């Protein structure tokens, strides 16, 4: 059985990928099993690691990893060991932000021989725009939206999202170049779905993999209108 991780920054198609892969009878794919928030919606919630809450999101991740990293490693071990006899591959979703406070994770996963599927969205402005919209409205996918919304994105807020998008993309590109990783570009994922899925299948040993999209991404023209989009484009040289 192939062990894999879907590694991604925000708004790069990771939820779409893991939920779609999980529909295959040959693949078990969970969400962010290392997400520390209790109320977070995680695919296969039964595999969510139980963190000891120690302040903020960042503090909880960092201090749990510092004080009880053995528990986290054992949880991942149990996840991979609990495979069904029919499974060809088993994996979970790992966000770049979780690596920021758990430096031990990558060496540990490398030592296990885990394969990485790295999702990259190379248009930083679009990433920041999508992340800003989702943060301000709570809408992450088209299936979440039942009415149109209008928002104005503050320049300072957008700058923070843009800086994070650049940082995440740069890290993921450098990481993928150093590892035996499969890179899936966001544009290819959305526009060439079957080819992208076939590449993922070949990478994790599931030949001729075919799965349908389980949800649609919320694109800039859908449901949420940004009233100051022209100003954002001009200020940030889009």
C-alpha atoms as a PDB file:
ATOM      1  CA  UNK A   1       0.000   0.000   0.000  1.00  0.00           C
ATOM      2  CA  UNK A   2       1.193   3.497  -0.864  1.00  0.00           C
ATOM      3  CA  UNK A   3       1.257   6.124   1.871  1.00  0.00           C
ATOM      4  CA  UNK A   4       0.757   9.687   0.650  1.00  0.00           C
ATOM      5  CA  UNK A   5       0.122  13.236   1.795  1.00  0.00           C
ATOM      6  CA  UNK A   6      -1.679  15.991  -0.089  1.00  0.00           C
ATOM      7  CA  UNK A   7       0.411  19.066   0.791  1.00  0.00           C
ATOM      8  CA  UNK A   8      -1.061  22.460  -0.002  1.00  0.00           C
ATOM      9  CA  UNK A   9      -1.485  26.116   0.848  1.00  0.00           C
ATOM     10  CA  UNK A  10      -4.906  27.703   1.197  1.00  0.00           C
ATOM     11  CA  UNK A  11      -7.246  27.960  -1.801  1.00  0.00           C
ATOM     12  CA  UNK A  12      -5.295  25.560  -4.009  1.00  0.00           C
ATOM     13  CA  UNK A  13      -7.836  22.774  -4.482  1.00  0.00           C
ATOM     14  CA  UNK A  14      -6.877  20.504  -1.592  1.00  0.00           C
ATOM     15  CA  UNK A  15     -10.429  19.885  -0.344  1.00  0.00           C
ATOM     16  CA  UNK A  16     -11.558  19.101  -3.876  1.00  0.00           C
ATOM     17  CA  UNK A  17      -8.699  16.638  -4.344  1.00  0.00           C
ATOM     18  CA  UNK A  18      -8.984  14.716  -1.079  1.00  0.00           C
ATOM     19  CA  UNK A  19     -12.774  14.365  -1.189  1.00  0.00           C
ATOM     20  CA  UNK A  20     -12.709  13.269  -4.813  1.00  0.00           C
ATOM     21  CA  UNK A  21      -9.902  10.741  -4.265  1.00  0.00           C
ATOM     22  CA  UNK A  22     -11.807   9.305  -1.326  1.00  0.00           C
ATOM     23  CA  UNK A  23     -14.682   8.280  -3.607  1.00  0.00           C
ATOM     24  CA  UNK A  24     -12.436   5.656  -5.202  1.00  0.00           C
ATOM     25  CA  UNK A  25     -12.857   2.197  -3.615  1.00  0.00           C
ATOM     26  CA  UNK A  26      -9.074   1.741  -3.863  1.00  0.00           C
ATOM     27  CA  UNK A  27      -8.107   4.909  -1.988  1.00  0.00           C
ATOM     28  CA  UNK A  28      -8.722   6.167   1.536  1.00  0.00           C
ATOM     29  CA  UNK A  29      -8.130   9.888   1.782  1.00  0.00           C
ATOM     30  CA  UNK A  30      -8.799  11.931   4.913  1.00  0.00           C
ATOM     31  CA  UNK A  31      -8.802  15.657   5.547  1.00  0.00           C
ATOM     32  CA  UNK A  32      -6.660  17.655   7.976  1.00  0.00           C
ATOM     33  CA  UNK A  33      -6.170  15.047  10.668  1.00  0.00           C
ATOM     34  CA  UNK A  34      -3.726  17.444  12.362  1.00  0.00           C
ATOM     35  CA  UNK A  35      -6.126  20.397  12.525  1.00  0.00           C
ATOM     36  CA  UNK A  36      -6.300  21.604  16.164  1.00  0.00           C
ATOM     37  CA  UNK A  37      -9.710  23.308  16.186  1.00  0.00           C
ATOM     38  CA  UNK A  38     -12.493  21.165  17.659  1.00  0.00           C
ATOM     39  CA  UNK A  39     -15.296  22.635  15.545  1.00  0.00           C
ATOM     40  CA  UNK A  40     -13.491  22.350  12.216  1.00  0.00           C
ATOM     41  CA  UNK A  41     -15.205  20.344   9.471  1.00  0.00           C
ATOM     42  CA  UNK A  42     -12.754  17.581   8.634  1.00  0.00           C
ATOM     43  CA  UNK A  43     -13.260  14.822   6.113  1.00  0.00           C
ATOM     44  CA  UNK A  44     -13.184  11.563   8.111  1.00  0.00           C
ATOM     45  CA  UNK A  45     -13.516  13.319  11.451  1.00  0.00           C
ATOM     46  CA  UNK A  46     -12.825  10.029  13.221  1.00  0.00           C
ATOM     47  CA  UNK A  47      -9.139  10.479  12.400  1.00  0.00           C
ATOM     48  CA  UNK A  48      -8.790  13.977  13.824  1.00  0.00           C
ATOM     49  CA  UNK A  49      -5.898  14.085  16.286  1.00  0.00           C
ATOM     50  CA  UNK A  50      -6.923  15.150  19.790  1.00  0.00           C
ATOM     51  CA  UNK A  51      -4.877  18.197  20.665  1.00  0.00           C
ATOM     52  CA  UNK A  52      -4.579  19.652  24.144  1.00  0.00           C
ATOM     53  CA  UNK A  53      -5.848  23.194  23.659  1.00  0.00           C
ATOM     54  CA  UNK A  54      -3.153  25.637  24.740  1.00  0.00           C
ATOM     55  CA  UNK A  55      -4.272  29.109  23.731  1.00  0.00           C
ATOM     56  CA  UNK A  56      -4.533  30.198  20.107  1.00  0.00           C
ATOM     57  CA  UNK A  57      -4.533  28.040  16.967  1.00  0.00           C
ATOM     58  CA  UNK A  58      -0.818  28.650  16.458  1.00  0.00           C
ATOM     59  CA  UNK A  59       0.087  28.091  20.105  1.00  0.00           C
ATOM     60  CA  UNK A  60      -1.885  24.845  20.238  1.00  0.00           C
ATOM     61  CA  UNK A  61      -0.138  23.402  17.184  1.00  0.00           C
ATOM     62  CA  UNK A  62       3.330  24.524  18.267  1.00  0.00           C
ATOM     63  CA  UNK A  63       3.156  23.504  21.931  1.00  0.00           C
ATOM     64  CA  UNK A  64       1.516  20.127  21.250  1.00  0.00           C
ATOM     65  CA  UNK A  65       4.211  19.398  18.678  1.00  0.00           C
ATOM     66  CA  UNK A  66       6.908  20.522  21.087  1.00  0.00           C
ATOM     67  CA  UNK A  67       5.637  18.715  24.185  1.00  0.00           C
ATOM     68  CA  UNK A  68       3.920  15.643  22.734  1.00  0.00           C
ATOM     69  CA  UNK A  69       5.284  15.095  19.250  1.00  0.00           C
ATOM     70  CA  UNK A  70       5.474  11.364  20.001  1.00  0.00           C
ATOM     71  CA  UNK A  71       1.678  11.268  20.327  1.00  0.00           C
ATOM     72  CA  UNK A  72       1.310  12.975  16.956  1.00  0.00           C
ATOM     73  CA  UNK A  73       3.689  10.534  15.283  1.00  0.00           C
ATOM     74  CA  UNK A  74       1.853   7.562  16.816  1.00  0.00           C
ATOM     75  CA  UNK A  75      -1.448   8.964  15.594  1.00  0.00           C
ATOM     76  CA  UNK A  76      -0.118   9.132  12.024  1.00  0.00           C
ATOM     77  CA  UNK A  77       1.285   5.604  12.428  1.00  0.00           C
ATOM     78  CA  UNK A  78      -2.158   4.339  13.470  1.00  0.00           C
ATOM     79  CA  UNK A  79      -3.745   6.125  10.544  1.00  0.00           C
ATOM     80  CA  UNK A  80      -1.548   4.382   8.014  1.00  0.00           C
ATOM     81  CA  UNK A  81      -1.659   1.004   9.787  1.00  0.00           C
ATOM     82  CA  UNK A  82      -5.462   0.964   9.823  1.00  0.00           C
ATOM     83  CA  UNK A  83      -5.709   0.340   6.111  1.00  0.00           C
ATOM     84  CA  UNK A  84      -8.309  -1.929   4.617  1.00  0.00           C
ATOM     85  CA  UNK A  85      -7.076  -5.001   2.765  1.00  0.00           C
ATOM     86  CA  UNK A  86      -8.441  -3.607  -0.507  1.00  0.00           C
ATOM     87  CA  UNK A  87      -6.733  -0.237  -0.263  1.00  0.00           C
ATOM     88  CA  UNK A  88      -4.066   0.604  -2.811  1.00  0.00           C
ATOM     89  CA  UNK A  89      -3.227   3.943  -1.221  1.00  0.00           C
ATOM     90  CA  UNK A  90      -4.013   5.876   1.958  1.00  0.00           C
ATOM     91  CA  UNK A  91      -3.318   9.520   2.684  1.00  0.00           C
ATOM     92  CA  UNK A  92      -4.390  12.721   4.372  1.00  0.00           C
ATOM     93  CA  UNK A  93      -4.324  16.459   3.818  1.00  0.00           C
ATOM     94  CA  UNK A  94      -1.537  18.547   5.334  1.00  0.00           C
ATOM     95  CA  UNK A  95      -1.518  22.324   5.123  1.00  0.00           C
ATOM     96  CA  UNK A  96       1.685  24.321   4.813  1.00  0.00           C
ATOM     97  CA  UNK A  97       0.581  26.416   7.801  1.00  0.00           C
ATOM     98  CA  UNK A  98       0.664  23.290   9.989  1.00  0.00           C
ATOM     99  CA  UNK A  99       4.282  22.696   9.006  1.00  0.00           C
ATOM    100  CA  UNK A 100       5.193  26.195  10.161  1.00  0.00           C
ATOM    101  CA  UNK A 101       4.703  25.122  13.783  1.00  0.00           C
ATOM    102  CA  UNK A 102       5.605  21.433  13.484  1.00  0.00           C
ATOM    103  CA  UNK A 103       9.080  21.323  11.952  1.00  0.00           C
ATOM    104  CA  UNK A 104       9.499  17.652  12.917  1.00  0.00           C
ATOM    105  CA  UNK A 105       6.711  16.511  10.583  1.00  0.00           C
ATOM    106  CA  UNK A 106       8.538  16.627   7.268  1.00  0.00           C
ATOM    107  CA  UNK A 107      11.621  14.647   8.415  1.00  0.00           C
ATOM    108  CA  UNK A 108       9.298  12.114  10.010  1.00  0.00           C
ATOM    109  CA  UNK A 109       7.157  11.725   6.888  1.00  0.00           C
ATOM    110  CA  UNK A 110      10.233  11.497   4.676  1.00  0.00           C
ATOM    111  CA  UNK A 111      11.618   8.736   6.895  1.00  0.00           C
ATOM    112  CA  UNK A 112       8.367   6.820   6.432  1.00  0.00           C
ATOM    113  CA  UNK A 113       8.779   7.046   2.657  1.00  0.00           C
ATOM    114  CA  UNK A 114       5.529   8.946   2.244  1.00  0.00           C
ATOM    115  CA  UNK A 115       4.773  10.238  -1.260  1.00  0.00           C
ATOM    116  CA  UNK A 116       3.791  13.881  -1.606  1.00  0.00           C
ATOM    117  CA  UNK A 117       1.167  15.365  -3.889  1.00  0.00           C
ATOM    118  CA  UNK A 118       1.924  19.097  -3.844  1.00  0.00           C
ATOM    119  CA  UNK A 119      -0.826  21.478  -4.933  1.00  0.00           C
ATOM    120  CA  UNK A 120       0.363  24.872  -6.138  1.00  0.00           C
ATOM    121  CA  UNK A 121      -1.628  27.901  -7.245  1.00  0.00           C
ATOM    122  CA  UNK A 122       0.889  30.069  -9.052  1.00  0.00           C
ATOM    123  CA  UNK A 123      -1.216  33.224  -9.388  1.00  0.00           C
ATOM    124  CA  UNK A 124      -0.645  34.896  -6.015  1.00  0.00           C
ATOM    125  CA  UNK A 125      -3.203  37.645  -6.596  1.00  0.00           C
ATOM    126  CA  UNK A 126      -5.964  35.123  -7.344  1.00  0.00           C
ATOM    127  CA  UNK A 127      -4.991  33.088  -4.291  1.00  0.00           C
ATOM    128  CA  UNK A 128      -5.155  36.162  -2.070  1.00  0.00           C
ATOM    129  CA  UNK A 129      -8.468  37.225  -3.607  1.00  0.00           C
ATOM    130  CA  UNK A 130     -10.015  33.792  -3.104  1.00  0.00           C
ATOM    131  CA  UNK A 131      -8.720  33.553   0.475  1.00  0.00           C
ATOM    132  CA  UNK A 132      -9.932  37.070   1.307  1.00  0.00           C
ATOM    133  CA  UNK A 133     -13.405  36.301  -0.017  1.00  0.00           C
ATOM    134  CA  UNK A 134     -13.683  33.029   1.857  1.00  0.00           C
ATOM    135  CA  UNK A 135     -12.483  34.583   5.110  1.00  0.00           C
ATOM    136  CA  UNK A 136     -14.896  37.498   4.880  1.00  0.00           C
ATOM    137  CA  UNK A 137     -17.965  35.497   3.805  1.00  0.00           C
ATOM    138  CA  UNK A 138     -17.420  31.974   5.132  1.00  0.00           C
ATOM    139  CA  UNK A 139     -18.045  30.602   1.613  1.00  0.00           C
ATOM    140  CA  UNK A 140     -15.386  28.211   0.352  1.00  0.00           C
ATOM    141  CA  UNK A 141     -17.116  26.360  -2.476  1.00  0.00           C
ATOM    142  CA  UNK A 142     -19.993  26.948  -4.846  1.00  0.00           C
ATOM    143  CA  UNK A 143     -22.031  24.378  -2.946  1.00  0.00           C
ATOM    144  CA  UNK A 144     -21.786  26.593   0.162  1.00  0.00           C
ATOM    145  CA  UNK A 145     -23.332  29.611  -1.537  1.00  0.00           C
ATOM    146  CA  UNK A 146     -27.118  30.017  -1.578  1.00  0.00           C
ATOM    147  CA  UNK A 147     -27.265  33.762  -2.187  1.00  0.00           C
ATOM    148  CA  UNK A 148     -25.185  36.543  -3.717  1.00  0.00           C
ATOM    149  CA  UNK A 149     -22.978  38.640  -1.461  1.00  0.00           C
ATOM    150  CA  UNK A 150     -21.173  41.940  -1.920  1.00  0.00           C
ATOM    151  CA  UNK A 151     -17.989  42.775  -0.021  1.00  0.00           C
ATOM    152  CA  UNK A 152     -15.214  45.350   0.036  1.00  0.00           C
ATOM    153  CA  UNK A 153     -11.756  44.009   0.852  1.00  0.00           C
ATOM    154  CA  UNK A 154      -9.545  46.350   2.908  1.00  0.00           C
ATOM    155  CA  UNK A 155      -6.128  46.931   1.340  1.00  0.00           C
ATOM    156  CA  UNK A 156      -4.233  46.000   4.518  1.00  0.00           C
ATOM    157  CA  UNK A 157      -6.186  42.765   4.865  1.00  0.00           C
ATOM    158  CA  UNK A 158      -5.556  41.882   1.229  1.00  0.00           C
ATOM    159  CA  UNK A 159      -1.833  42.600   1.608  1.00  0.00           C
ATOM    160  CA  UNK A 160      -1.618  40.053   4.432  1.00  0.00           C
ATOM    161  CA  UNK A 161      -3.283  37.392   2.265  1.00  0.00           C
ATOM    162  CA  UNK A 162      -1.025  38.250  -0.662  1.00  0.00           C
ATOM    163  CA  UNK A 163       2.111  37.986   1.469  1.00  0.00           C
ATOM    164  CA  UNK A 164       0.960  34.592   2.748  1.00  0.00           C
ATOM    165  CA  UNK A 165       0.197  33.399  -0.789  1.00  0.00           C
ATOM    166  CA  UNK A 166       3.701  34.307  -1.969  1.00  0.00           C
ATOM    167  CA  UNK A 167       5.307  32.687   1.079  1.00  0.00           C
ATOM    168  CA  UNK A 168       3.322  29.458   0.710  1.00  0.00           C
ATOM    169  CA  UNK A 169       3.903  29.159  -3.037  1.00  0.00           C
ATOM    170  CA  UNK A 170       7.631  29.739  -2.690  1.00  0.00           C
ATOM    171  CA  UNK A 171       7.943  27.131   0.051  1.00  0.00           C
ATOM    172  CA  UNK A 172       5.925  24.540  -1.859  1.00  0.00           C
ATOM    173  CA  UNK A 173       7.864  25.071  -5.093  1.00  0.00           C
ATOM    174  CA  UNK A 174      11.186  24.688  -3.280  1.00  0.00           C
ATOM    175  CA  UNK A 175       9.967  21.668  -1.332  1.00  0.00           C
ATOM    176  CA  UNK A 176       8.636  19.896  -4.418  1.00  0.00           C
ATOM    177  CA  UNK A 177      11.900  20.502  -6.278  1.00  0.00           C
ATOM    178  CA  UNK A 178      13.843  18.729  -3.528  1.00  0.00           C
ATOM    179  CA  UNK A 179      11.540  15.762  -2.997  1.00  0.00           C
ATOM    180  CA  UNK A 180      10.083  12.956  -5.058  1.00  0.00           C
ATOM    181  CA  UNK A 181       6.847  14.898  -5.304  1.00  0.00           C
ATOM    182  CA  UNK A 182       4.065  15.210  -7.827  1.00  0.00           C
ATOM    183  CA  UNK A 183       3.202  18.846  -8.514  1.00  0.00           C
ATOM    184  CA  UNK A 184      -0.381  19.626  -9.495  1.00  0.00           C
ATOM    185  CA  UNK A 185      -1.039  23.172 -10.609  1.00  0.00           C
ATOM    186  CA  UNK A 186      -4.375  24.678  -9.628  1.00  0.00           C
ATOM    187  CA  UNK A 187      -5.185  25.730 -13.196  1.00  0.00           C
ATOM    188  CA  UNK A 188      -4.541  22.218 -14.483  1.00  0.00           C
ATOM    189  CA  UNK A 189      -6.646  20.792 -11.684  1.00  0.00           C
ATOM    190  CA  UNK A 190      -9.654  22.933 -12.608  1.00  0.00           C
ATOM    191  CA  UNK A 191      -9.305  22.930 -16.392  1.00  0.00           C
ATOM    192  CA  UNK A 192      -7.771  19.482 -17.012  1.00  0.00           C
ATOM    193  CA  UNK A 193      -9.300  17.405 -14.272  1.00  0.00           C
ATOM    194  CA  UNK A 194      -9.034  13.945 -15.839  1.00  0.00           C
ATOM    195  CA  UNK A 195      -5.359  14.391 -16.734  1.00  0.00           C
ATOM    196  CA  UNK A 196      -4.558  15.699 -13.247  1.00  0.00           C
ATOM    197  CA  UNK A 197      -6.327  12.792 -11.563  1.00  0.00           C
ATOM    198  CA  UNK A 198      -4.584  10.299 -13.839  1.00  0.00           C
ATOM    199  CA  UNK A 199      -1.220  11.798 -12.802  1.00  0.00           C
ATOM    200  CA  UNK A 200      -2.144  11.493  -9.129  1.00  0.00           C
ATOM    201  CA  UNK A 201      -3.232   7.898  -9.651  1.00  0.00           C
ATOM    202  CA  UNK A 202       0.055   6.988 -11.331  1.00  0.00           C
ATOM    203  CA  UNK A 203       1.979   8.642  -8.471  1.00  0.00           C
ATOM    204  CA  UNK A 204       0.239   6.636  -5.738  1.00  0.00           C
ATOM    205  CA  UNK A 205      -0.019   3.328  -7.580  1.00  0.00           C
ATOM    206  CA  UNK A 206      -3.670   3.531  -8.626  1.00  0.00           C
ATOM    207  CA  UNK A 207      -3.364   3.079 -12.370  1.00  0.00           C
ATOM    208  CA  UNK A 208      -6.077   4.450 -14.655  1.00  0.00           C
ATOM    209  CA  UNK A 209      -7.645   6.317 -11.738  1.00  0.00           C
ATOM    210  CA  UNK A 210     -10.884   8.102 -12.613  1.00  0.00           C
ATOM    211  CA  UNK A 211     -12.954  10.032 -10.101  1.00  0.00           C
ATOM    212  CA  UNK A 212     -15.495  12.806 -10.525  1.00  0.00           C
ATOM    213  CA  UNK A 213     -15.309  16.208  -8.870  1.00  0.00           C
ATOM    214  CA  UNK A 214     -17.187  16.096  -5.588  1.00  0.00           C
ATOM    215  CA  UNK A 215     -17.617  19.869  -5.388  1.00  0.00           C
ATOM    216  CA  UNK A 216     -16.982  23.017  -7.359  1.00  0.00           C
ATOM    217  CA  UNK A 217     -14.626  25.813  -6.397  1.00  0.00           C
ATOM    218  CA  UNK A 218     -16.080  29.242  -5.797  1.00  0.00           C
ATOM    219  CA  UNK A 219     -14.563  31.423  -8.535  1.00  0.00           C
ATOM    220  CA  UNK A 220     -14.325  35.188  -8.533  1.00  0.00           C
ATOM    221  CA  UNK A 221     -17.412  35.729 -10.689  1.00  0.00           C
ATOM    222  CA  UNK A 222     -19.708  33.517  -8.602  1.00  0.00           C
ATOM    223  CA  UNK A 223     -21.911  34.602  -5.735  1.00  0.00           C
ATOM    224  CA  UNK A 224     -19.438  37.038  -4.178  1.00  0.00           C
ATOM    225  CA  UNK A 225     -18.856  40.421  -5.819  1.00  0.00           C
ATOM    226  CA  UNK A 226     -15.894  42.496  -4.666  1.00  0.00           C
ATOM    227  CA  UNK A 227     -16.873  46.139  -5.029  1.00  0.00           C
ATOM    228  CA  UNK A 228     -13.294  47.449  -4.984  1.00  0.00           C
ATOM    229  CA  UNK A 229     -11.791  44.790  -7.264  1.00  0.00           C
ATOM    230  CA  UNK A 230     -10.566  47.370  -9.795  1.00  0.00           C
ATOM    231  CA  UNK A 231      -8.806  49.285  -7.031  1.00  0.00           C
ATOM    232  CA  UNK A 232      -7.186  46.077  -5.748  1.00  0.00           C
ATOM    233  CA  UNK A 233      -5.975  45.212  -9.250  1.00  0.00           C
ATOM    234  CA  UNK A 234      -4.498  48.684  -9.713  1.00  0.00           C
ATOM    235  CA  UNK A 235      -2.865  48.879  -6.308  1.00  0.00           C
ATOM    236  CA  UNK A 236      -1.365  45.390  -6.455  1.00  0.00           C
ATOM    237  CA  UNK A 237      -0.433  45.462 -10.145  1.00  0.00           C
ATOM    238  CA  UNK A 238      -2.784  42.681 -11.236  1.00  0.00           C
END
